[in-house]
Amino acid sequence: MNTNPSYNRNGANMKKQILRRLFLAVPSIALIFTIVLGMVGAGGVGFELNVAMRLFRYQEVSAIIIVIIFTVACIDKTSSEIRSGII
């Protein structure tokens, strides 16, 4: 067992950085999972997308996909800016 104080601090810093990165990646991952769950019948945005596709409402499908892409891009951009400020 290494009792060197600098070793313990570096290990603690690494754990903090990993937790921060995971915490900031969660919103975009959660959004993607909700879309996938909606596609398989759990409701939400994916459900609306699935219904629009089944009814051949292609303008609505396009709008939903654009909103999804825009939302994911905004969440990724925001979390990367927060990440660069924290880490």
C-alpha atoms as a PDB file:
ATOM      1  CA  MET A   1       0.000   0.000   0.000  1.00  0.00           C
ATOM      2  CA  ASN A   2       1.393   3.373  -0.986  1.00  0.00           C
ATOM      3  CA  THR A   3       1.071   6.029   1.730  1.00  0.00           C
ATOM      4  CA  ASN A   4       2.661   8.817  -0.304  1.00  0.00           C
ATOM      5  CA  PRO A   5       0.358  11.905   0.070  1.00  0.00           C
ATOM      6  CA  SER A   6       0.928  13.048  -3.524  1.00  0.00           C
ATOM      7  CA  TYR A   7      -0.141   9.625  -4.794  1.00  0.00           C
ATOM      8  CA  ASN A   8      -3.410   9.847  -2.857  1.00  0.00           C
ATOM      9  CA  ARG A   9      -4.110  13.408  -4.058  1.00  0.00           C
ATOM     10  CA  ASN A  10      -3.520  12.493  -7.700  1.00  0.00           C
ATOM     11  CA  GLY A  11      -5.806   9.502  -7.360  1.00  0.00           C
ATOM     12  CA  ALA A  12      -8.493  11.659  -5.783  1.00  0.00           C
ATOM     13  CA  ASN A  13      -8.115  14.283  -8.517  1.00  0.00           C
ATOM     14  CA  MET A  14      -8.438  11.633 -11.192  1.00  0.00           C
ATOM     15  CA  LYS A  15     -11.609  10.286  -9.578  1.00  0.00           C
ATOM     16  CA  LYS A  16     -13.078  13.789  -9.446  1.00  0.00           C
ATOM     17  CA  GLN A  17     -12.295  14.376 -13.118  1.00  0.00           C
ATOM     18  CA  ILE A  18     -13.849  11.063 -14.142  1.00  0.00           C
ATOM     19  CA  LEU A  19     -16.998  11.763 -12.111  1.00  0.00           C
ATOM     20  CA  ARG A  20     -17.297  15.274 -13.584  1.00  0.00           C
ATOM     21  CA  ARG A  21     -16.982  13.944 -17.121  1.00  0.00           C
ATOM     22  CA  LEU A  22     -19.574  11.255 -16.498  1.00  0.00           C
ATOM     23  CA  PHE A  23     -21.926  13.715 -14.810  1.00  0.00           C
ATOM     24  CA  LEU A  24     -21.729  16.123 -17.748  1.00  0.00           C
ATOM     25  CA  ALA A  25     -22.177  13.367 -20.328  1.00  0.00           C
ATOM     26  CA  VAL A  26     -25.338  12.047 -18.683  1.00  0.00           C
ATOM     27  CA  PRO A  27     -27.847  14.589 -20.116  1.00  0.00           C
ATOM     28  CA  SER A  28     -27.116  13.806 -23.773  1.00  0.00           C
ATOM     29  CA  ILE A  29     -26.981  10.069 -23.096  1.00  0.00           C
ATOM     30  CA  ALA A  30     -30.285  10.271 -21.203  1.00  0.00           C
ATOM     31  CA  LEU A  31     -31.929  12.109 -24.098  1.00  0.00           C
ATOM     32  CA  ILE A  32     -30.797   9.468 -26.582  1.00  0.00           C
ATOM     33  CA  PHE A  33     -32.061   6.676 -24.298  1.00  0.00           C
ATOM     34  CA  THR A  34     -35.463   8.359 -23.930  1.00  0.00           C
ATOM     35  CA  ILE A  35     -35.798   8.587 -27.696  1.00  0.00           C
ATOM     36  CA  VAL A  36     -34.908   4.919 -28.102  1.00  0.00           C
ATOM     37  CA  LEU A  37     -37.275   3.890 -25.309  1.00  0.00           C
ATOM     38  CA  GLY A  38     -40.042   5.910 -26.912  1.00  0.00           C
ATOM     39  CA  MET A  39     -39.438   4.098 -30.187  1.00  0.00           C
ATOM     40  CA  VAL A  40     -40.054   0.761 -28.481  1.00  0.00           C
ATOM     41  CA  GLY A  41     -43.236   1.886 -26.776  1.00  0.00           C
ATOM     42  CA  ALA A  42     -42.328   3.728 -23.569  1.00  0.00           C
ATOM     43  CA  GLY A  43     -43.774   7.070 -24.714  1.00  0.00           C
ATOM     44  CA  GLY A  44     -42.134  10.457 -25.110  1.00  0.00           C
ATOM     45  CA  VAL A  45     -40.446  11.925 -28.172  1.00  0.00           C
ATOM     46  CA  GLY A  46     -39.628   8.523 -29.648  1.00  0.00           C
ATOM     47  CA  PHE A  47     -43.276   7.535 -29.419  1.00  0.00           C
ATOM     48  CA  GLU A  48     -44.332  10.662 -31.306  1.00  0.00           C
ATOM     49  CA  LEU A  49     -41.705   9.943 -33.947  1.00  0.00           C
ATOM     50  CA  ASN A  50     -42.908   6.366 -34.295  1.00  0.00           C
ATOM     51  CA  VAL A  51     -46.565   7.427 -34.644  1.00  0.00           C
ATOM     52  CA  ALA A  52     -45.697  10.046 -37.256  1.00  0.00           C
ATOM     53  CA  MET A  53     -43.726   7.473 -39.253  1.00  0.00           C
ATOM     54  CA  ARG A  54     -46.556   4.932 -39.129  1.00  0.00           C
ATOM     55  CA  LEU A  55     -49.054   7.536 -40.351  1.00  0.00           C
ATOM     56  CA  PHE A  56     -46.704   8.611 -43.175  1.00  0.00           C
ATOM     57  CA  ARG A  57     -46.568  12.205 -41.911  1.00  0.00           C
ATOM     58  CA  TYR A  58     -43.151  12.912 -43.315  1.00  0.00           C
ATOM     59  CA  GLN A  59     -43.180  16.643 -42.589  1.00  0.00           C
ATOM     60  CA  GLU A  60     -43.865  15.881 -38.941  1.00  0.00           C
ATOM     61  CA  VAL A  61     -41.169  13.178 -38.937  1.00  0.00           C
ATOM     62  CA  SER A  62     -38.686  15.658 -40.387  1.00  0.00           C
ATOM     63  CA  ALA A  63     -39.595  18.288 -37.801  1.00  0.00           C
ATOM     64  CA  ILE A  64     -39.220  15.830 -34.925  1.00  0.00           C
ATOM     65  CA  ILE A  65     -35.839  14.635 -36.206  1.00  0.00           C
ATOM     66  CA  ILE A  66     -34.612  18.218 -36.622  1.00  0.00           C
ATOM     67  CA  VAL A  67     -35.728  19.049 -33.072  1.00  0.00           C
ATOM     68  CA  ILE A  68     -33.972  15.939 -31.743  1.00  0.00           C
ATOM     69  CA  ILE A  69     -30.731  16.774 -33.567  1.00  0.00           C
ATOM     70  CA  PHE A  70     -30.874  20.408 -32.432  1.00  0.00           C
ATOM     71  CA  THR A  71     -31.564  19.424 -28.813  1.00  0.00           C
ATOM     72  CA  VAL A  72     -28.730  16.877 -28.718  1.00  0.00           C
ATOM     73  CA  ALA A  73     -26.347  19.398 -30.316  1.00  0.00           C
ATOM     74  CA  CYS A  74     -27.297  22.075 -27.768  1.00  0.00           C
ATOM     75  CA  ILE A  75     -26.872  19.698 -24.840  1.00  0.00           C
ATOM     76  CA  ASP A  76     -23.494  18.511 -26.163  1.00  0.00           C
ATOM     77  CA  LYS A  77     -22.279  22.076 -26.760  1.00  0.00           C
ATOM     78  CA  THR A  78     -23.411  23.248 -23.336  1.00  0.00           C
ATOM     79  CA  SER A  79     -21.904  20.280 -21.517  1.00  0.00           C
ATOM     80  CA  SER A  80     -18.597  20.620 -23.401  1.00  0.00           C
ATOM     81  CA  GLU A  81     -18.377  24.305 -22.444  1.00  0.00           C
ATOM     82  CA  ILE A  82     -19.164  23.474 -18.825  1.00  0.00           C
ATOM     83  CA  ARG A  83     -16.649  20.639 -18.962  1.00  0.00           C
ATOM     84  CA  SER A  84     -13.903  22.914 -20.317  1.00  0.00           C
ATOM     85  CA  GLY A  85     -14.589  25.401 -17.524  1.00  0.00           C
ATOM     86  CA  ILE A  86     -14.583  22.785 -14.766  1.00  0.00           C
ATOM     87  CA  ILE A  87     -11.852  20.407 -15.850  1.00  0.00           C
END
